[in-house]
Protein backbone atom coordinates (compact mmCIF):
# COMPACT_ATOMS: atom_id res chain seq x y z
CA MET A 1 5.40 89.56 134.40
CA ARG A 2 3.90 90.63 137.79
CA SER A 3 5.59 91.58 141.01
CA ASP A 4 5.09 89.78 144.33
CA ASN A 5 1.85 91.76 145.03
CA GLY A 6 0.39 90.62 141.68
CA LYS A 7 0.71 93.99 140.08
CA GLN A 8 2.14 94.01 136.56
CA GLN A 9 5.72 95.25 136.54
CA THR A 10 6.89 98.36 134.58
CA LEU A 11 9.91 99.06 132.36
CA ALA A 12 10.62 102.66 131.70
CA ILE A 13 12.68 104.02 128.83
CA LEU A 14 14.40 107.48 128.66
CA VAL A 15 16.85 109.18 126.21
CA GLY A 16 19.73 111.37 127.46
CA GLY A 17 22.16 113.57 125.73
CA GLY A 18 22.24 114.63 122.22
CA PRO A 19 20.29 112.93 119.38
CA ALA A 20 21.75 110.08 117.36
CA PRO A 21 20.30 108.11 114.43
CA GLY A 22 18.88 104.89 115.74
CA ILE A 23 17.38 105.97 119.00
CA ASN A 24 13.79 105.02 117.97
CA GLY A 25 15.10 101.57 116.90
CA VAL A 26 16.22 101.00 120.45
CA ILE A 27 12.89 102.26 122.03
CA ALA A 28 10.94 100.07 119.48
CA ALA A 29 12.85 96.90 120.17
CA ALA A 30 12.82 97.44 123.96
CA THR A 31 9.22 98.16 124.15
CA ILE A 32 8.15 95.26 121.89
CA GLU A 33 10.30 92.61 123.78
CA ALA A 34 9.11 93.98 127.20
CA ILE A 35 5.58 93.81 126.33
CA ASN A 36 5.95 90.29 124.86
CA CYS A 37 7.56 89.30 128.20
CA GLY A 38 4.57 90.59 130.11
CA LEU A 39 5.69 93.87 131.19
CA SER A 40 4.07 97.39 130.84
CA VAL A 41 6.30 100.07 129.14
CA LEU A 42 6.43 103.71 130.13
CA GLY A 43 8.23 106.17 128.02
CA LEU A 44 9.90 109.02 130.08
CA ARG A 45 9.86 112.34 128.08
CA ASP A 46 12.86 114.62 128.00
CA GLY A 47 15.40 112.20 129.55
CA TYR A 48 16.07 112.77 133.18
CA ARG A 49 14.68 116.31 133.03
CA TRP A 50 11.33 115.84 134.86
CA ILE A 51 12.12 112.92 137.20
CA ALA A 52 15.24 114.82 138.55
CA GLU A 53 12.60 117.27 139.77
CA GLY A 54 10.41 114.59 141.25
CA ASP A 55 7.92 115.30 138.43
CA THR A 56 6.10 112.10 137.30
CA GLY A 57 3.73 113.65 134.99
CA HIS A 58 5.75 113.81 131.68
CA THR A 59 5.32 110.13 130.55
CA ALA A 60 3.55 108.09 127.87
CA ALA A 61 2.49 104.48 128.06
CA LEU A 62 3.99 102.73 125.02
CA ARG A 63 2.22 99.90 123.15
CA ILE A 64 3.54 97.74 120.25
CA SER A 65 1.32 99.68 117.82
CA ASP A 66 3.10 102.90 118.90
CA VAL A 67 6.56 101.66 118.12
CA SER A 68 6.31 99.02 115.56
CA ARG A 69 7.28 101.26 112.47
CA ILE A 70 9.64 103.84 114.08
CA HIS A 71 12.99 102.01 113.81
CA PHE A 72 13.81 103.50 110.49
CA THR A 73 12.92 107.15 111.55
CA GLY A 74 15.39 109.79 112.94
CA GLY A 75 15.17 111.78 116.14
CA SER A 76 13.59 110.51 119.43
CA ILE A 77 9.83 110.03 120.03
CA LEU A 78 10.54 110.55 123.63
CA ARG A 79 12.77 113.66 122.86
CA THR A 80 15.88 114.06 125.07
CA SER A 81 17.74 116.57 127.38
CA ARG A 82 21.17 116.89 129.10
CA VAL A 83 19.91 117.09 132.65
CA ASN A 84 22.22 115.36 135.24
CA PRO A 85 20.22 113.24 137.68
CA ALA A 86 23.15 112.93 140.01
CA ARG A 87 24.35 116.55 140.10
CA ASP A 88 23.85 116.44 143.80
CA GLU A 89 22.35 113.88 146.40
CA ALA A 90 19.02 115.69 146.67
CA THR A 91 18.50 115.45 142.91
CA LEU A 92 19.58 111.80 142.82
CA ASP A 93 16.93 111.16 145.67
CA ARG A 94 14.22 112.88 143.75
CA THR A 95 14.98 110.96 140.66
CA ILE A 96 14.76 107.49 142.25
CA GLY A 97 11.75 108.72 144.33
CA ALA A 98 9.95 109.55 141.10
CA LEU A 99 10.79 106.20 139.45
CA ASP A 100 9.57 104.47 142.69
CA THR A 101 6.26 106.43 142.55
CA MET A 102 5.67 105.45 138.94
CA GLY A 103 6.27 101.73 140.01
CA VAL A 104 9.28 101.39 137.77
CA ARG A 105 11.01 98.06 138.11
CA TYR A 106 13.34 98.31 135.13
CA LEU A 107 14.94 101.29 133.55
CA VAL A 108 16.59 101.45 130.05
CA CYS A 109 18.64 104.56 129.63
CA ILE A 110 19.68 105.28 126.05
CA GLY A 111 22.79 107.81 125.93
CA GLY A 112 26.52 108.40 125.91
CA ASP A 113 28.96 108.80 128.73
CA ASP A 114 26.98 111.35 130.71
CA THR A 115 23.64 109.48 130.53
CA THR A 116 25.60 106.30 131.40
CA TYR A 117 27.16 108.09 134.70
CA GLY A 118 23.64 109.03 135.63
CA ALA A 119 22.33 105.41 135.13
CA ALA A 120 25.21 104.09 137.17
CA ARG A 121 24.43 106.35 140.13
CA ILE A 122 20.64 105.28 140.01
CA ALA A 123 21.72 101.60 139.82
CA GLU A 124 24.03 102.05 142.84
CA ARG A 125 21.73 104.16 144.84
CA SER A 126 18.62 102.08 144.36
CA GLY A 127 20.31 99.00 145.75
CA GLY A 128 18.90 96.53 143.22
CA ARG A 129 15.43 97.79 143.61
CA ILE A 130 15.40 99.18 140.16
CA GLY A 131 17.21 97.13 137.50
CA VAL A 132 19.15 99.71 135.17
CA ALA A 133 20.71 99.10 131.77
CA THR A 134 22.20 101.61 129.34
CA VAL A 135 22.22 101.34 125.63
CA PRO A 136 25.29 103.38 124.14
CA LYS A 137 24.49 106.11 121.92
CA THR A 138 26.78 108.78 120.49
CA ILE A 139 27.79 109.86 116.96
CA ASP A 140 31.18 110.66 118.66
CA ASN A 141 31.98 106.95 118.80
CA ASP A 142 33.91 107.67 122.18
CA LEU A 143 32.61 104.96 124.54
CA PRO A 144 34.93 102.15 125.57
CA LEU A 145 32.92 99.30 123.91
CA PRO A 146 34.37 95.70 123.64
CA ASP A 147 36.10 94.66 120.35
CA ASN A 148 36.24 98.28 119.62
CA ALA A 149 32.57 98.18 118.43
CA PRO A 150 30.94 101.46 117.14
CA THR A 151 28.43 103.21 119.09
CA PHE A 152 25.01 103.32 117.41
CA GLY A 153 24.53 106.40 115.45
CA PHE A 154 28.04 106.74 114.38
CA GLU A 155 27.84 104.88 111.03
CA THR A 156 24.89 106.96 109.88
CA ALA A 157 26.63 110.18 111.05
CA ARG A 158 29.65 109.09 109.11
CA ALA A 159 27.77 108.39 105.93
CA VAL A 160 25.92 111.73 105.96
CA GLY A 161 28.94 113.69 107.04
CA THR A 162 30.96 112.04 104.30
CA SER A 163 28.39 113.23 101.70
CA ILE A 164 28.55 116.79 102.97
CA ILE A 165 32.35 116.71 102.90
CA GLU A 166 32.38 115.41 99.40
CA ALA A 167 30.05 118.36 98.34
CA LEU A 168 32.47 120.74 100.06
CA MET A 169 35.43 119.28 98.37
CA GLU A 170 33.70 119.73 94.89
CA ASP A 171 32.67 123.33 95.82
CA ALA A 172 36.24 124.08 97.09
CA ARG A 173 37.74 122.71 93.71
CA THR A 174 35.14 124.66 91.61
CA THR A 175 35.78 128.04 93.40
CA ARG A 176 39.38 127.63 94.34
CA ARG A 177 38.92 128.14 98.16
CA TRP A 178 39.51 126.25 101.42
CA TYR A 179 36.92 125.03 103.84
CA LEU A 180 37.40 124.46 107.49
CA ALA A 181 34.74 121.96 108.44
CA VAL A 182 34.35 121.68 112.11
CA THR A 183 32.60 118.41 113.24
CA MET A 184 31.22 117.04 116.53
CA GLY A 185 33.48 115.09 118.79
CA ARG A 186 33.83 116.62 122.23
CA LYS A 187 36.80 114.48 123.22
CA SER A 188 37.51 112.08 120.45
CA GLY A 189 38.35 112.85 116.91
CA SER A 190 36.87 109.55 115.60
CA LEU A 191 34.08 111.15 113.63
CA ALA A 192 36.09 113.79 111.96
CA LEU A 193 38.92 111.30 111.03
CA SER A 194 36.40 108.76 109.62
CA MET A 195 34.67 111.35 107.61
CA CYS A 196 37.92 112.65 106.23
CA LYS A 197 39.15 109.27 105.44
CA SER A 198 36.04 108.16 103.79
CA ALA A 199 35.61 111.33 101.62
CA GLY A 200 39.31 111.73 100.90
CA ALA A 201 39.48 115.27 102.21
CA THR A 202 42.74 117.07 102.36
CA LEU A 203 43.41 116.63 106.10
CA ALA A 204 41.75 116.10 109.46
CA VAL A 205 42.80 117.75 112.71
CA ILE A 206 42.00 115.75 115.74
CA PRO A 207 42.98 116.24 119.59
CA GLU A 208 44.68 112.82 119.78
CA GLU A 209 47.41 113.71 117.33
CA PHE A 210 48.68 116.60 119.42
CA ARG A 211 51.10 115.74 122.34
CA GLY A 212 50.53 117.27 125.87
CA GLU A 213 47.50 118.26 127.79
CA GLN A 214 47.43 121.93 126.76
CA LEU A 215 47.18 122.96 123.09
CA GLU A 216 48.14 126.26 121.78
CA ILE A 217 45.56 127.59 119.19
CA ALA A 218 48.56 128.84 117.13
CA THR A 219 49.66 125.24 116.75
CA VAL A 220 46.32 124.24 115.28
CA VAL A 221 46.35 127.25 112.96
CA ASP A 222 49.83 126.49 111.68
CA THR A 223 48.95 122.92 111.17
CA ILE A 224 46.22 123.94 108.75
CA VAL A 225 48.27 126.73 107.17
CA GLY A 226 51.20 124.45 106.63
CA ALA A 227 48.77 122.04 104.73
CA ILE A 228 47.46 124.93 102.65
CA ILE A 229 50.94 125.96 101.66
CA LYS A 230 52.04 122.44 100.77
CA ARG A 231 48.92 121.87 98.55
CA ARG A 232 49.51 125.20 96.85
CA ALA A 233 53.17 124.20 96.08
CA ALA A 234 51.55 121.07 94.45
CA GLY A 235 49.61 123.50 92.20
CA ARG A 236 46.16 123.28 94.05
CA GLU A 237 44.62 126.37 95.66
CA ASP A 238 41.67 124.44 97.26
CA GLY A 239 41.06 121.90 100.11
CA VAL A 240 38.94 120.85 103.01
CA ALA A 241 40.31 120.51 106.47
CA VAL A 242 38.07 118.44 108.88
CA VAL A 243 38.55 119.68 112.46
CA ALA A 244 37.16 117.86 115.45
CA GLU A 245 35.40 120.28 117.86
CA GLY A 246 37.23 118.45 120.65
CA VAL A 247 40.40 120.38 119.54
CA ALA A 248 38.82 123.54 121.23
CA GLU A 249 38.64 121.65 124.66
CA ARG A 250 42.26 121.16 124.70
CA ILE A 251 42.92 125.02 124.25
CA ASP A 252 42.89 127.46 127.10
CA PRO A 253 39.44 129.01 127.21
CA ASN A 254 40.89 132.44 127.78
CA ALA A 255 42.54 132.07 124.18
CA LEU A 256 39.08 131.60 122.82
CA VAL A 257 36.39 134.30 122.13
CA ASP A 258 34.66 135.29 125.36
CA GLY A 259 36.71 132.73 127.22
CA PRO A 260 35.82 133.77 130.80
CA ASN A 261 32.05 133.78 129.86
CA LEU A 262 31.91 130.37 128.44
CA GLN A 263 28.78 128.31 129.35
CA HIS A 264 28.77 124.90 130.73
CA ASP A 265 26.06 122.15 130.51
CA ALA A 266 24.67 120.06 133.38
CA TYR A 267 27.67 117.74 133.39
CA GLY A 268 30.23 120.59 133.51
CA HIS A 269 31.29 120.42 129.84
CA VAL A 270 31.97 123.58 127.90
CA ARG A 271 29.24 124.31 125.51
CA LEU A 272 31.39 123.92 122.34
CA ARG A 273 28.68 125.06 120.06
CA ASP A 274 28.63 128.47 121.80
CA LEU A 275 32.28 129.08 121.03
CA SER A 276 31.91 129.77 117.37
CA PHE A 277 35.20 127.81 117.11
CA GLY A 278 34.99 127.56 113.30
CA THR A 279 34.55 131.26 112.97
CA LEU A 280 37.56 131.99 115.33
CA LEU A 281 39.69 129.38 113.52
CA ARG A 282 38.86 130.75 110.20
CA ALA A 283 39.78 134.30 111.21
CA GLN A 284 43.14 133.15 112.61
CA VAL A 285 43.97 130.99 109.68
CA ARG A 286 43.25 133.91 107.30
CA SER A 287 45.43 136.18 109.57
CA ALA A 288 48.32 133.64 109.49
CA LEU A 289 48.11 133.34 105.70
CA LEU A 290 48.20 137.08 105.06
CA ASP A 291 51.00 137.30 107.51
CA ILE A 292 53.22 134.94 105.26
CA GLY A 293 52.06 136.60 102.02
CA ALA A 294 49.53 134.04 100.99
CA GLU A 295 46.05 135.28 100.07
CA ILE A 296 43.63 132.47 99.96
CA THR A 297 39.78 132.37 100.48
CA VAL A 298 38.95 130.50 103.60
CA VAL A 299 35.39 129.58 104.71
CA SER A 300 34.35 127.96 107.88
CA LYS A 301 31.52 125.20 108.04
CA ASP A 302 29.97 123.63 111.18
CA ILE A 303 28.86 119.99 110.55
CA GLY A 304 26.92 118.47 113.39
CA TYR A 305 23.15 119.09 113.79
CA GLU A 306 22.66 117.68 110.27
CA LEU A 307 23.88 114.39 111.45
CA ARG A 308 22.06 113.82 114.68
CA CYS A 309 18.51 113.13 113.61
CA ALA A 310 19.29 111.71 110.17
CA LYS A 311 17.36 108.60 109.10
CA PRO A 312 19.45 105.71 110.24
CA VAL A 313 21.46 103.68 107.76
CA PRO A 314 20.57 99.82 107.63
CA PHE A 315 23.56 99.08 109.88
CA ASP A 316 22.19 101.36 112.70
CA ALA A 317 18.57 100.14 112.25
CA ASP A 318 19.77 96.57 112.44
CA TYR A 319 22.16 97.21 115.32
CA THR A 320 19.70 99.08 117.60
CA ARG A 321 17.11 96.35 117.28
CA THR A 322 19.49 93.98 118.81
CA LEU A 323 20.68 96.51 121.41
CA GLY A 324 17.16 97.17 122.69
CA TYR A 325 16.20 93.55 122.70
CA GLY A 326 19.38 92.77 124.60
CA ALA A 327 18.75 95.39 127.18
CA VAL A 328 15.48 93.88 128.09
CA ARG A 329 16.72 90.35 128.09
CA TYR A 330 19.61 91.29 130.45
CA LEU A 331 17.27 93.16 132.94
CA LEU A 332 14.82 90.23 133.11
CA ARG A 333 17.66 87.75 133.72
CA GLY A 334 18.33 89.79 136.90
CA GLY A 335 21.00 91.97 135.71
CA SER A 336 21.60 95.60 136.57
CA GLY A 337 24.25 98.30 136.37
CA ALA A 338 25.64 97.47 132.97
CA LEU A 339 26.05 98.94 129.43
CA ILE A 340 24.70 96.77 126.64
CA ALA A 341 27.11 96.03 123.85
CA ILE A 342 27.63 93.66 121.10
CA ALA A 343 30.79 91.61 120.91
CA GLY A 344 31.24 88.89 118.40
CA GLY A 345 27.56 88.94 117.45
CA HIS A 346 26.56 88.23 121.04
CA VAL A 347 24.93 90.75 123.38
CA THR A 348 27.64 91.53 126.09
CA PRO A 349 26.77 93.46 129.12
CA VAL A 350 29.71 95.68 130.47
CA ASN A 351 29.49 96.52 134.16
CA PHE A 352 29.35 100.34 134.81
CA ALA A 353 32.25 99.88 137.19
CA ASP A 354 34.48 98.62 134.44
CA LEU A 355 33.62 101.75 132.31
CA VAL A 356 34.77 104.24 135.03
CA ASP A 357 38.09 106.05 135.17
CA PRO A 358 39.24 105.67 138.75
CA ALA A 359 41.10 108.90 138.52
CA THR A 360 38.08 111.02 137.52
CA GLY A 361 35.07 108.90 138.70
CA ARG A 362 33.43 109.34 135.16
CA VAL A 363 33.09 107.10 132.18
CA ARG A 364 36.24 106.64 130.32
CA VAL A 365 36.43 108.10 126.79
CA ARG A 366 37.75 106.00 123.91
CA MET A 367 40.16 108.09 122.00
CA VAL A 368 41.47 107.51 118.47
CA ASP A 369 44.56 105.22 118.67
CA VAL A 370 47.11 107.20 116.54
CA SER A 371 49.45 104.16 116.58
CA ALA A 372 46.98 101.94 114.81
CA GLU A 373 46.83 101.31 111.12
CA SER A 374 43.37 102.75 110.69
CA TYR A 375 44.86 106.13 111.73
CA GLN A 376 48.23 105.70 109.85
CA VAL A 377 46.42 104.92 106.59
CA ALA A 378 44.37 108.07 106.98
CA ARG A 379 47.35 110.14 107.83
CA SER A 380 49.31 108.93 104.93
CA TYR A 381 46.70 110.19 102.44
CA MET A 382 46.39 113.58 103.95
CA ILE A 383 48.33 116.73 102.63
CA ARG A 384 50.11 118.27 105.59
CA LEU A 385 53.69 119.13 106.66
CA GLU A 386 55.84 116.25 107.64
CA PRO A 387 59.44 116.32 109.03
CA GLY A 388 60.87 115.73 105.56
CA ASP A 389 59.20 118.94 104.28
CA LEU A 390 61.38 120.92 106.64
CA GLU A 391 64.62 119.73 104.91
CA GLU A 392 66.06 120.58 101.58
CA PRO A 393 65.08 120.52 98.79
CA ALA A 394 61.48 120.42 99.81
CA LEU A 395 61.98 123.33 102.35
CA SER A 396 63.09 125.97 99.73
CA ARG A 397 60.30 124.79 97.40
CA LEU A 398 57.59 125.32 100.09
CA ALA A 399 59.10 128.66 101.52
CA ALA A 400 58.99 130.11 97.92
CA HIS A 401 55.18 130.06 98.14
CA THR A 402 55.39 132.51 101.09
CA ASN A 403 57.29 135.60 102.02
CA LEU A 404 59.40 133.52 104.44
CA SER A 405 63.01 132.49 104.05
CA PRO A 406 63.58 128.71 104.17
CA GLU A 407 65.07 129.36 107.72
CA GLN A 408 62.03 131.31 108.76
CA PHE A 409 59.63 128.70 107.31
CA LYS A 410 61.35 125.85 109.23
CA ALA A 411 61.24 127.97 112.47
CA ARG A 412 57.54 128.76 111.95
CA PHE A 413 56.26 125.36 111.12
CA GLY A 414 58.77 123.20 112.98
CA PRO A 415 56.77 123.23 116.28
CA PRO A 416 53.45 122.11 115.02
CA VAL A 417 55.09 119.34 112.90
CA ALA A 418 57.01 118.26 116.14
CA VAL A 419 53.75 117.77 118.22
CA THR A 420 51.44 116.20 115.79
CA GLY A 421 51.49 112.45 116.13
CA ASN A 422 53.66 109.66 114.77
CA ALA A 423 54.77 111.05 111.52
CA SER A 424 57.81 108.91 111.41
CA ALA A 425 55.85 105.80 111.70
CA LEU A 426 53.48 106.47 108.77
CA HIS A 427 54.97 103.92 106.41
CA ALA A 428 56.26 101.59 108.97
CA PHE A 429 53.79 98.76 108.49
């Protein structure tokens, strides 16, 4: 395909944000389809990093032979970064200027909400000169896709994460200890919940189940401690609590280690991996257990980086090929400014404007619906304190495994029970 001046048109591909299984499948499918349609293809290395500086030197021409067998590999052959191309007007102008210099007519951005936000600004500012499409990628599964479709990479992350949780459960049983497994999920608890549900872990702790905007760390700690005591009362000294890292974002940073010195990424998000949230949580859970007379071994385990570059499962290998193909077809039909999704088996572009939260100007985050059966089933299989546990005869039986009186036990654990989701609706369906 050639432009009006007879020059072959160029499609560029970049990857933003954290890695996710299936990235290379999108790159391969988009490259093959673009070349078959007469375009040249340019891979932009390190996401928006270099073009945001106006640098056009970090690129690679992609041929079918370069990508034909990469769809079943993990990682990204183009690497990735979290640079924000729209952090200010000058950066946005440099980004578009670099794309113009390279003769880019079409741009496929593979990424999550932040990458999509940057793509939306490029599409808007270029005024149609550059056709832009985003392919949604995140193991957090937190983009608002039609038909509640998963984001690519999520199914692989769930499969690999579930295997890790299953191994931790066996280790916990063998050694009579508890694991606090902190998983990725900056805003949504979708990954943590699905891993817990798939593995049959003791409980999941996700941000969506806590009412209110601000969350006290003591509430999270006592939610876990209450589960430990309830399981102990049932004769088990072991368990695994799967905790979404997004819980930390709901807590006042000053209540966390080195709160005033927290680092932020290019999009203004707290660098959750710098918090050592699992270590902090473990220390507070152990302290709370000792405070109520229960000496139990507790170990923290971060689960995240092991998931991001895993070899994609067949679902994601299949899924990403359709997404990459669909992105190119959408652009060549004259489309721009949309996220490429699949609904009912059909490629379905979703306009960037429909993804934005008017209140924040940022891409909306899909949260776990705690009123849905998918959550309620998971919750009903968890071991955790429920309102009925704070009434007799259960109350005295649980308190007997601590140094608290029944009245003290109810006063201590009543608040976390009151703010964690729809416990009364668990068996309503």
